Amino acid sequence: MGEGEEGDEMSSSEAAPRGQESKQDLRAELSQVEAERAELLQQARDLRSQLADAGPMDAAERGLIITQAEELEALAAELERRRDALLEKLGGSS
């Protein structure tokens, strides 16, 4: 019985139906998405910089670093799409 009562104490943002998040919640998520995207892109740049600075390197090792950088860039692209969707929900303002 106590467990059922806890469900009644949800915040208004938790109780809002999907797609009806508050602008404050959207802005907070946007900020988080932008920070994560920037971090992923920096990590990818750092990996690529390692290639330039490393000198001679085994082809398999070089390929692994390139693959890791590309995976980070792909994740950043997904976050960019999410960022664009959040900006659209916010009416183009941030």
Protein backbone atom coordinates (compact mmCIF):
# COMPACT_ATOMS: atom_id res chain seq x y z
CA MET A 1 0.00 0.00 0.00
CA GLY A 2 2.86 2.35 0.77
CA GLU A 3 4.31 1.62 -2.65
CA GLY A 4 1.14 2.74 -4.42
CA GLU A 5 1.11 5.99 -2.49
CA GLU A 6 4.67 6.81 -3.60
CA GLY A 7 3.50 6.85 -7.23
CA ASP A 8 1.08 9.66 -6.39
CA GLU A 9 3.99 11.94 -5.42
CA MET A 10 5.37 12.33 -8.95
CA SER A 11 6.59 15.76 -9.98
CA SER A 12 4.64 17.59 -12.66
CA SER A 13 7.37 16.93 -15.25
CA GLU A 14 7.26 13.19 -14.52
CA ALA A 15 3.48 13.13 -14.70
CA ALA A 16 3.34 15.01 -18.02
CA PRO A 17 2.47 12.78 -20.96
CA ARG A 18 5.28 12.03 -23.40
CA GLY A 19 5.73 14.88 -25.84
CA GLN A 20 4.48 17.49 -23.36
CA GLU A 21 7.72 18.15 -21.50
CA SER A 22 8.09 21.60 -20.03
CA LYS A 23 10.35 24.11 -21.75
CA GLN A 24 12.60 23.99 -18.69
CA ASP A 25 12.97 20.20 -19.05
CA LEU A 26 13.65 20.57 -22.77
CA ARG A 27 16.29 23.24 -22.15
CA ALA A 28 17.96 21.05 -19.50
CA GLU A 29 18.04 18.09 -21.88
CA LEU A 30 19.32 20.34 -24.68
CA SER A 31 22.15 21.53 -22.47
CA GLN A 32 23.08 17.96 -21.57
CA VAL A 33 22.93 16.81 -25.21
CA GLU A 34 25.12 19.71 -26.34
CA ALA A 35 27.70 19.00 -23.62
CA GLU A 36 27.82 15.28 -24.43
CA ARG A 37 28.11 16.02 -28.15
CA ALA A 38 30.99 18.45 -27.58
CA GLU A 39 32.78 15.89 -25.41
CA LEU A 40 32.40 13.13 -28.01
CA LEU A 41 33.72 15.38 -30.77
CA GLN A 42 36.69 16.37 -28.61
CA GLN A 43 37.46 12.71 -27.93
CA ALA A 44 37.33 11.98 -31.67
CA ARG A 45 39.68 14.92 -32.38
CA ASP A 46 42.05 13.66 -29.69
CA LEU A 47 42.13 10.18 -31.26
CA ARG A 48 42.80 11.60 -34.71
CA SER A 49 45.51 13.81 -33.24
CA GLN A 50 47.16 10.70 -31.81
CA LEU A 51 47.42 9.36 -35.36
CA ALA A 52 49.18 12.49 -36.55
CA ASP A 53 51.56 12.54 -33.59
CA ALA A 54 52.24 8.81 -33.32
CA GLY A 55 54.63 8.35 -36.21
CA PRO A 56 54.98 4.83 -37.60
CA MET A 57 52.20 2.58 -36.38
CA ASP A 58 50.90 -0.90 -37.05
CA ALA A 59 48.11 -0.81 -39.67
CA ALA A 60 45.72 -2.71 -37.38
CA GLU A 61 46.32 -0.26 -34.54
CA ARG A 62 45.84 2.71 -36.88
CA GLY A 63 42.61 1.15 -38.17
CA LEU A 64 41.34 0.63 -34.63
CA ILE A 65 41.94 4.27 -33.72
CA ILE A 66 40.22 5.46 -36.90
CA THR A 67 37.25 3.17 -36.19
CA GLN A 68 36.97 4.48 -32.63
CA ALA A 69 37.03 8.08 -33.86
CA GLU A 70 34.36 7.32 -36.47
CA GLU A 71 32.15 5.65 -33.85
CA LEU A 72 32.44 8.71 -31.60
CA GLU A 73 31.57 10.96 -34.53
CA ALA A 74 28.54 8.79 -35.34
CA LEU A 75 27.33 9.09 -31.74
CA ALA A 76 27.85 12.85 -31.93
CA ALA A 77 25.75 12.92 -35.11
CA GLU A 78 22.93 11.12 -33.28
CA LEU A 79 23.13 13.71 -30.51
CA GLU A 80 23.07 16.47 -33.11
CA ARG A 81 19.79 15.06 -34.48
CA ARG A 82 18.41 14.95 -30.93
CA ARG A 83 19.58 18.53 -30.38
CA ASP A 84 17.81 19.63 -33.56
CA ALA A 85 14.61 17.90 -32.43
CA LEU A 86 14.80 19.63 -29.04
CA LEU A 87 15.37 23.00 -30.69
CA GLU A 88 12.34 22.38 -32.88
CA LYS A 89 10.22 21.57 -29.81
CA LEU A 90 11.47 24.77 -28.20
CA GLY A 91 10.45 26.74 -31.26
CA GLY A 92 14.00 27.32 -32.47
CA SER A 93 15.10 29.15 -29.32
CA SER A 94 17.62 27.86 -26.81
